[in-house]
Amino acid sequence: MKKQRACPTDRIWSKDEFERMHALAIFQGREGFASVLLLGRFAGLRIHECFRIDIATTSKVISATLPPPLRWISMAM
């Protein structure tokens, strides 16, 4: 049996579409929205996953992925 996709069309934004949407969010002062766009595009997170991120989660990621000098700089910000 042949696999069928739930949505027959490609729903991924092109690079140009993404860059225009990100620039528009920044232009309108919507930094939160711009961050969600970046997390979705480059970290593969869904919208609801972006809004569940808290300080504890962020600290765990920083301490697990950054080498000590960068970790100390990011924690001081």
PDB file of N, CA and C in Angstrom:
ATOM      1  N   MET A   1       0.838  -1.166   0.000  1.00  0.00           N
ATOM      2  CA  MET A   1       0.000   0.000   0.000  1.00  0.00           C
ATOM      3  C   MET A   1       0.900   1.252   0.000  1.00  0.00           C
ATOM      4  N   LYS A   2       0.532   2.204  -0.797  1.00  0.00           N
ATOM      5  CA  LYS A   2       1.294   3.434  -0.925  1.00  0.00           C
ATOM      6  C   LYS A   2       0.986   4.384   0.231  1.00  0.00           C
ATOM      7  N   LYS A   3       2.054   5.004   0.789  1.00  0.00           N
ATOM      8  CA  LYS A   3       1.862   5.978   1.861  1.00  0.00           C
ATOM      9  C   LYS A   3       1.189   7.233   1.314  1.00  0.00           C
ATOM     10  N   GLN A   4       0.253   7.745   2.063  1.00  0.00           N
ATOM     11  CA  GLN A   4      -0.409   8.993   1.681  1.00  0.00           C
ATOM     12  C   GLN A   4      -0.186  10.018   2.772  1.00  0.00           C
ATOM     13  N   ARG A   5       0.107  11.221   2.356  1.00  0.00           N
ATOM     14  CA  ARG A   5       0.288  12.309   3.305  1.00  0.00           C
ATOM     15  C   ARG A   5      -1.066  12.892   3.676  1.00  0.00           C
ATOM     16  N   ALA A   6      -1.172  13.356   4.910  1.00  0.00           N
ATOM     17  CA  ALA A   6      -2.422  13.974   5.356  1.00  0.00           C
ATOM     18  C   ALA A   6      -2.686  15.266   4.585  1.00  0.00           C
ATOM     19  N   CYS A   7      -1.613  15.964   4.266  1.00  0.00           N
ATOM     20  CA  CYS A   7      -1.734  17.208   3.509  1.00  0.00           C
ATOM     21  C   CYS A   7      -0.926  17.039   2.221  1.00  0.00           C
ATOM     22  N   PRO A   8      -1.564  17.021   1.073  1.00  0.00           N
ATOM     23  CA  PRO A   8      -0.840  16.735  -0.173  1.00  0.00           C
ATOM     24  C   PRO A   8       0.113  17.835  -0.638  1.00  0.00           C
ATOM     25  N   THR A   9       0.009  19.029  -0.057  1.00  0.00           N
ATOM     26  CA  THR A   9       0.888  20.123  -0.483  1.00  0.00           C
ATOM     27  C   THR A   9       1.979  20.351   0.558  1.00  0.00           C
ATOM     28  N   ASP A  10       3.087  20.919   0.124  1.00  0.00           N
ATOM     29  CA  ASP A  10       4.201  21.237   1.007  1.00  0.00           C
ATOM     30  C   ASP A  10       3.861  22.486   1.802  1.00  0.00           C
ATOM     31  N   ARG A  11       3.883  22.387   3.136  1.00  0.00           N
ATOM     32  CA  ARG A  11       3.503  23.515   3.990  1.00  0.00           C
ATOM     33  C   ARG A  11       4.711  24.261   4.546  1.00  0.00           C
ATOM     34  N   ILE A  12       5.910  23.878   4.184  1.00  0.00           N
ATOM     35  CA  ILE A  12       7.110  24.533   4.690  1.00  0.00           C
ATOM     36  C   ILE A  12       7.302  25.863   3.966  1.00  0.00           C
ATOM     37  N   TRP A  13       7.599  26.915   4.751  1.00  0.00           N
ATOM     38  CA  TRP A  13       7.847  28.215   4.148  1.00  0.00           C
ATOM     39  C   TRP A  13       9.183  28.188   3.418  1.00  0.00           C
ATOM     40  N   SER A  14       9.257  28.897   2.311  1.00  0.00           N
ATOM     41  CA  SER A  14      10.536  29.036   1.623  1.00  0.00           C
ATOM     42  C   SER A  14      11.444  29.932   2.472  1.00  0.00           C
ATOM     43  N   LYS A  15      12.730  29.939   2.153  1.00  0.00           N
ATOM     44  CA  LYS A  15      13.677  30.787   2.890  1.00  0.00           C
ATOM     45  C   LYS A  15      13.259  32.250   2.801  1.00  0.00           C
ATOM     46  N   ASP A  16      12.846  32.679   1.613  1.00  0.00           N
ATOM     47  CA  ASP A  16      12.426  34.061   1.415  1.00  0.00           C
ATOM     48  C   ASP A  16      11.174  34.392   2.233  1.00  0.00           C
ATOM     49  N   GLU A  17      10.197  33.500   2.253  1.00  0.00           N
ATOM     50  CA  GLU A  17       8.977  33.725   3.028  1.00  0.00           C
ATOM     51  C   GLU A  17       9.307  33.849   4.522  1.00  0.00           C
ATOM     52  N   PHE A  18      10.164  32.939   4.997  1.00  0.00           N
ATOM     53  CA  PHE A  18      10.537  32.968   6.400  1.00  0.00           C
ATOM     54  C   PHE A  18      11.251  34.276   6.750  1.00  0.00           C
ATOM     55  N   GLU A  19      12.215  34.662   5.933  1.00  0.00           N
ATOM     56  CA  GLU A  19      12.984  35.876   6.211  1.00  0.00           C
ATOM     57  C   GLU A  19      12.093  37.123   6.200  1.00  0.00           C
ATOM     58  N   ARG A  20      11.134  37.168   5.277  1.00  0.00           N
ATOM     59  CA  ARG A  20      10.212  38.315   5.240  1.00  0.00           C
ATOM     60  C   ARG A  20       9.317  38.344   6.475  1.00  0.00           C
ATOM     61  N   MET A  21       8.831  37.183   6.893  1.00  0.00           N
ATOM     62  CA  MET A  21       7.969  37.117   8.071  1.00  0.00           C
ATOM     63  C   MET A  21       8.753  37.489   9.331  1.00  0.00           C
ATOM     64  N   HIS A  22       9.989  37.005   9.439  1.00  0.00           N
ATOM     65  CA  HIS A  22      10.827  37.319  10.594  1.00  0.00           C
ATOM     66  C   HIS A  22      11.138  38.819  10.626  1.00  0.00           C
ATOM     67  N   ALA A  23      11.478  39.394   9.487  1.00  0.00           N
ATOM     68  CA  ALA A  23      11.773  40.828   9.407  1.00  0.00           C
ATOM     69  C   ALA A  23      10.534  41.651   9.773  1.00  0.00           C
ATOM     70  N   LEU A  24       9.367  41.225   9.332  1.00  0.00           N
ATOM     71  CA  LEU A  24       8.129  41.937   9.650  1.00  0.00           C
ATOM     72  C   LEU A  24       7.856  41.903  11.149  1.00  0.00           C
ATOM     73  N   ALA A  25       8.073  40.752  11.780  1.00  0.00           N
ATOM     74  CA  ALA A  25       7.859  40.636  13.224  1.00  0.00           C
ATOM     75  C   ALA A  25       8.792  41.580  13.981  1.00  0.00           C
ATOM     76  N   ILE A  26      10.043  41.635  13.577  1.00  0.00           N
ATOM     77  CA  ILE A  26      11.005  42.534  14.222  1.00  0.00           C
ATOM     78  C   ILE A  26      10.615  43.991  13.971  1.00  0.00           C
ATOM     79  N   PHE A  27      10.254  44.328  12.741  1.00  0.00           N
ATOM     80  CA  PHE A  27       9.861  45.685  12.384  1.00  0.00           C
ATOM     81  C   PHE A  27       8.673  46.165  13.220  1.00  0.00           C
ATOM     82  N   GLN A  28       7.747  45.257  13.490  1.00  0.00           N
ATOM     83  CA  GLN A  28       6.558  45.618  14.265  1.00  0.00           C
ATOM     84  C   GLN A  28       6.790  45.538  15.774  1.00  0.00           C
ATOM     85  N   GLY A  29       8.032  45.225  16.169  1.00  0.00           N
ATOM     86  CA  GLY A  29       8.354  45.165  17.591  1.00  0.00           C
ATOM     87  C   GLY A  29       7.848  43.923  18.289  1.00  0.00           C
ATOM     88  N   ARG A  30       7.610  42.864  17.537  1.00  0.00           N
ATOM     89  CA  ARG A  30       7.091  41.611  18.093  1.00  0.00           C
ATOM     90  C   ARG A  30       8.238  40.625  18.302  1.00  0.00           C
ATOM     91  N   GLU A  31       9.119  40.933  19.273  1.00  0.00           N
ATOM     92  CA  GLU A  31      10.294  40.108  19.505  1.00  0.00           C
ATOM     93  C   GLU A  31       9.930  38.677  19.902  1.00  0.00           C
ATOM     94  N   GLY A  32       8.859  38.535  20.686  1.00  0.00           N
ATOM     95  CA  GLY A  32       8.413  37.194  21.083  1.00  0.00           C
ATOM     96  C   GLY A  32       8.013  36.359  19.880  1.00  0.00           C
ATOM     97  N   PHE A  33       7.279  36.975  18.981  1.00  0.00           N
ATOM     98  CA  PHE A  33       6.856  36.270  17.770  1.00  0.00           C
ATOM     99  C   PHE A  33       8.063  35.915  16.906  1.00  0.00           C
ATOM    100  N   ALA A  34       9.014  36.853  16.803  1.00  0.00           N
ATOM    101  CA  ALA A  34      10.227  36.588  16.028  1.00  0.00           C
ATOM    102  C   ALA A  34      11.008  35.430  16.633  1.00  0.00           C
ATOM    103  N   SER A  35      11.058  35.351  17.962  1.00  0.00           N
ATOM    104  CA  SER A  35      11.752  34.255  18.634  1.00  0.00           C
ATOM    105  C   SER A  35      11.073  32.916  18.372  1.00  0.00           C
ATOM    106  N   VAL A  36       9.751  32.918  18.407  1.00  0.00           N
ATOM    107  CA  VAL A  36       8.998  31.686  18.122  1.00  0.00           C
ATOM    108  C   VAL A  36       9.270  31.225  16.691  1.00  0.00           C
ATOM    109  N   LEU A  37       9.321  32.168  15.758  1.00  0.00           N
ATOM    110  CA  LEU A  37       9.643  31.815  14.370  1.00  0.00           C
ATOM    111  C   LEU A  37      11.011  31.146  14.287  1.00  0.00           C
ATOM    112  N   LEU A  38      12.007  31.722  14.965  1.00  0.00           N
ATOM    113  CA  LEU A  38      13.361  31.160  14.939  1.00  0.00           C
ATOM    114  C   LEU A  38      13.414  29.778  15.586  1.00  0.00           C
ATOM    115  N   LEU A  39      12.751  29.622  16.730  1.00  0.00           N
ATOM    116  CA  LEU A  39      12.749  28.319  17.405  1.00  0.00           C
ATOM    117  C   LEU A  39      12.055  27.257  16.553  1.00  0.00           C
ATOM    118  N   GLY A  40      10.993  27.652  15.885  1.00  0.00           N
ATOM    119  CA  GLY A  40      10.308  26.706  15.016  1.00  0.00           C
ATOM    120  C   GLY A  40      11.148  26.313  13.812  1.00  0.00           C
ATOM    121  N   ARG A  41      11.797  27.279  13.226  1.00  0.00           N
ATOM    122  CA  ARG A  41      12.567  27.029  12.005  1.00  0.00           C
ATOM    123  C   ARG A  41      13.851  26.247  12.280  1.00  0.00           C
ATOM    124  N   PHE A  42      14.619  26.677  13.286  1.00  0.00           N
ATOM    125  CA  PHE A  42      15.945  26.123  13.481  1.00  0.00           C
ATOM    126  C   PHE A  42      16.053  25.079  14.582  1.00  0.00           C
ATOM    127  N   ALA A  43      15.126  25.078  15.541  1.00  0.00           N
ATOM    128  CA  ALA A  43      15.162  24.068  16.600  1.00  0.00           C
ATOM    129  C   ALA A  43      14.076  23.015  16.402  1.00  0.00           C
ATOM    130  N   GLY A  44      13.185  23.256  15.442  1.00  0.00           N
ATOM    131  CA  GLY A  44      12.142  22.278  15.146  1.00  0.00           C
ATOM    132  C   GLY A  44      11.023  22.228  16.180  1.00  0.00           C
ATOM    133  N   LEU A  45      10.882  23.292  16.972  1.00  0.00           N
ATOM    134  CA  LEU A  45       9.835  23.299  17.991  1.00  0.00           C
ATOM    135  C   LEU A  45       8.498  23.727  17.399  1.00  0.00           C
ATOM    136  N   ARG A  46       7.436  23.187  17.973  1.00  0.00           N
ATOM    137  CA  ARG A  46       6.095  23.626  17.605  1.00  0.00           C
ATOM    138  C   ARG A  46       5.749  24.848  18.448  1.00  0.00           C
ATOM    139  N   ILE A  47       4.710  25.566  18.042  1.00  0.00           N
ATOM    140  CA  ILE A  47       4.351  26.808  18.725  1.00  0.00           C
ATOM    141  C   ILE A  47       4.101  26.572  20.215  1.00  0.00           C
ATOM    142  N   HIS A  48       3.316  25.562  20.560  1.00  0.00           N
ATOM    143  CA  HIS A  48       3.013  25.327  21.978  1.00  0.00           C
ATOM    144  C   HIS A  48       4.259  24.945  22.760  1.00  0.00           C
ATOM    145  N   GLU A  49       5.225  24.307  22.115  1.00  0.00           N
ATOM    146  CA  GLU A  49       6.479  23.969  22.793  1.00  0.00           C
ATOM    147  C   GLU A  49       7.290  25.227  23.089  1.00  0.00           C
ATOM    148  N   CYS A  50       7.247  26.192  22.197  1.00  0.00           N
ATOM    149  CA  CYS A  50       7.966  27.459  22.425  1.00  0.00           C
ATOM    150  C   CYS A  50       7.426  28.183  23.648  1.00  0.00           C
ATOM    151  N   PHE A  51       6.126  28.142  23.848  1.00  0.00           N
ATOM    152  CA  PHE A  51       5.525  28.873  24.962  1.00  0.00           C
ATOM    153  C   PHE A  51       5.651  28.135  26.293  1.00  0.00           C
ATOM    154  N   ARG A  52       6.069  26.872  26.271  1.00  0.00           N
ATOM    155  CA  ARG A  52       6.297  26.135  27.510  1.00  0.00           C
ATOM    156  C   ARG A  52       7.720  26.283  28.033  1.00  0.00           C
ATOM    157  N   ILE A  53       8.570  26.955  27.294  1.00  0.00           N
ATOM    158  CA  ILE A  53       9.953  27.136  27.731  1.00  0.00           C
ATOM    159  C   ILE A  53       9.979  28.121  28.892  1.00  0.00           C
ATOM    160  N   ASP A  54      10.630  27.720  29.978  1.00  0.00           N
ATOM    161  CA  ASP A  54      10.765  28.617  31.125  1.00  0.00           C
ATOM    162  C   ASP A  54      12.246  28.786  31.468  1.00  0.00           C
ATOM    163  N   ILE A  55      12.535  29.521  32.519  1.00  0.00           N
ATOM    164  CA  ILE A  55      13.923  29.803  32.890  1.00  0.00           C
ATOM    165  C   ILE A  55      14.665  28.521  33.252  1.00  0.00           C
ATOM    166  N   ALA A  56      14.014  27.602  33.961  1.00  0.00           N
ATOM    167  CA  ALA A  56      14.669  26.356  34.355  1.00  0.00           C
ATOM    168  C   ALA A  56      15.069  25.529  33.129  1.00  0.00           C
ATOM    169  N   THR A  57      14.172  25.437  32.161  1.00  0.00           N
ATOM    170  CA  THR A  57      14.461  24.701  30.931  1.00  0.00           C
ATOM    171  C   THR A  57      15.606  25.347  30.177  1.00  0.00           C
ATOM    172  N   THR A  58      15.574  26.662  30.071  1.00  0.00           N
ATOM    173  CA  THR A  58      16.619  27.391  29.374  1.00  0.00           C
ATOM    174  C   THR A  58      17.971  27.185  30.058  1.00  0.00           C
ATOM    175  N   SER A  59      17.999  27.235  31.383  1.00  0.00           N
ATOM    176  CA  SER A  59      19.246  27.031  32.132  1.00  0.00           C
ATOM    177  C   SER A  59      19.818  25.632  31.900  1.00  0.00           C
ATOM    178  N   LYS A  60      18.937  24.623  31.858  1.00  0.00           N
ATOM    179  CA  LYS A  60      19.395  23.251  31.607  1.00  0.00           C
ATOM    180  C   LYS A  60      20.035  23.133  30.228  1.00  0.00           C
ATOM    181  N   VAL A  61      19.410  23.741  29.237  1.00  0.00           N
ATOM    182  CA  VAL A  61      19.939  23.676  27.871  1.00  0.00           C
ATOM    183  C   VAL A  61      21.286  24.382  27.791  1.00  0.00           C
ATOM    184  N   ILE A  62      21.382  25.546  28.403  1.00  0.00           N
ATOM    185  CA  ILE A  62      22.638  26.298  28.372  1.00  0.00           C
ATOM    186  C   ILE A  62      23.749  25.509  29.054  1.00  0.00           C
ATOM    187  N   SER A  63      23.464  24.946  30.221  1.00  0.00           N
ATOM    188  CA  SER A  63      24.511  24.228  30.945  1.00  0.00           C
ATOM    189  C   SER A  63      24.888  22.916  30.256  1.00  0.00           C
ATOM    190  N   ALA A  64      23.979  22.346  29.495  1.00  0.00           N
ATOM    191  CA  ALA A  64      24.269  21.084  28.815  1.00  0.00           C
ATOM    192  C   ALA A  64      24.972  21.272  27.475  1.00  0.00           C
ATOM    193  N   THR A  65      24.818  22.427  26.854  1.00  0.00           N
ATOM    194  CA  THR A  65      25.329  22.581  25.494  1.00  0.00           C
ATOM    195  C   THR A  65      26.477  23.558  25.328  1.00  0.00           C
ATOM    196  N   LEU A  66      26.597  24.531  26.215  1.00  0.00           N
ATOM    197  CA  LEU A  66      27.646  25.530  26.046  1.00  0.00           C
ATOM    198  C   LEU A  66      28.881  25.183  26.874  1.00  0.00           C
ATOM    199  N   PRO A  67      30.068  25.439  26.343  1.00  0.00           N
ATOM    200  CA  PRO A  67      31.278  25.245  27.146  1.00  0.00           C
ATOM    201  C   PRO A  67      31.309  26.266  28.282  1.00  0.00           C
ATOM    202  N   PRO A  68      32.025  25.989  29.385  1.00  0.00           N
ATOM    203  CA  PRO A  68      31.984  26.853  30.568  1.00  0.00           C
ATOM    204  C   PRO A  68      32.163  28.347  30.326  1.00  0.00           C
ATOM    205  N   PRO A  69      33.136  28.834  29.544  1.00  0.00           N
ATOM    206  CA  PRO A  69      33.245  30.296  29.417  1.00  0.00           C
ATOM    207  C   PRO A  69      31.978  30.944  28.851  1.00  0.00           C
ATOM    208  N   LEU A  70      31.373  30.326  27.832  1.00  0.00           N
ATOM    209  CA  LEU A  70      30.157  30.891  27.248  1.00  0.00           C
ATOM    210  C   LEU A  70      28.980  30.744  28.211  1.00  0.00           C
ATOM    211  N   ARG A  71      28.954  29.668  28.953  1.00  0.00           N
ATOM    212  CA  ARG A  71      27.888  29.431  29.924  1.00  0.00           C
ATOM    213  C   ARG A  71      27.885  30.556  30.956  1.00  0.00           C
ATOM    214  N   TRP A  72      29.051  30.940  31.442  1.00  0.00           N
ATOM    215  CA  TRP A  72      29.131  31.995  32.456  1.00  0.00           C
ATOM    216  C   TRP A  72      28.691  33.331  31.886  1.00  0.00           C
ATOM    217  N   ILE A  73      29.048  33.601  30.649  1.00  0.00           N
ATOM    218  CA  ILE A  73      28.652  34.866  30.013  1.00  0.00           C
ATOM    219  C   ILE A  73      27.134  34.923  29.866  1.00  0.00           C
ATOM    220  N   SER A  74      26.527  33.830  29.391  1.00  0.00           N
ATOM    221  CA  SER A  74      25.086  33.819  29.144  1.00  0.00           C
ATOM    222  C   SER A  74      24.306  33.904  30.440  1.00  0.00           C
ATOM    223  N   MET A  75      24.824  33.345  31.523  1.00  0.00           N
ATOM    224  CA  MET A  75      24.121  33.397  32.800  1.00  0.00           C
ATOM    225  C   MET A  75      24.196  34.796  33.412  1.00  0.00           C
ATOM    226  N   ALA A  76      25.217  35.558  33.060  1.00  0.00           N
ATOM    227  CA  ALA A  76      25.373  36.899  33.616  1.00  0.00           C
ATOM    228  C   ALA A  76      24.449  37.908  32.952  1.00  0.00           C
ATOM    229  N   MET A  77      23.901  37.578  31.794  1.00  0.00           N
ATOM    230  CA  MET A  77      23.053  38.526  31.051  1.00  0.00           C
ATOM    231  C   MET A  77      21.700  38.674  31.687  1.00  0.00           C
TER     232      MET A  77
END
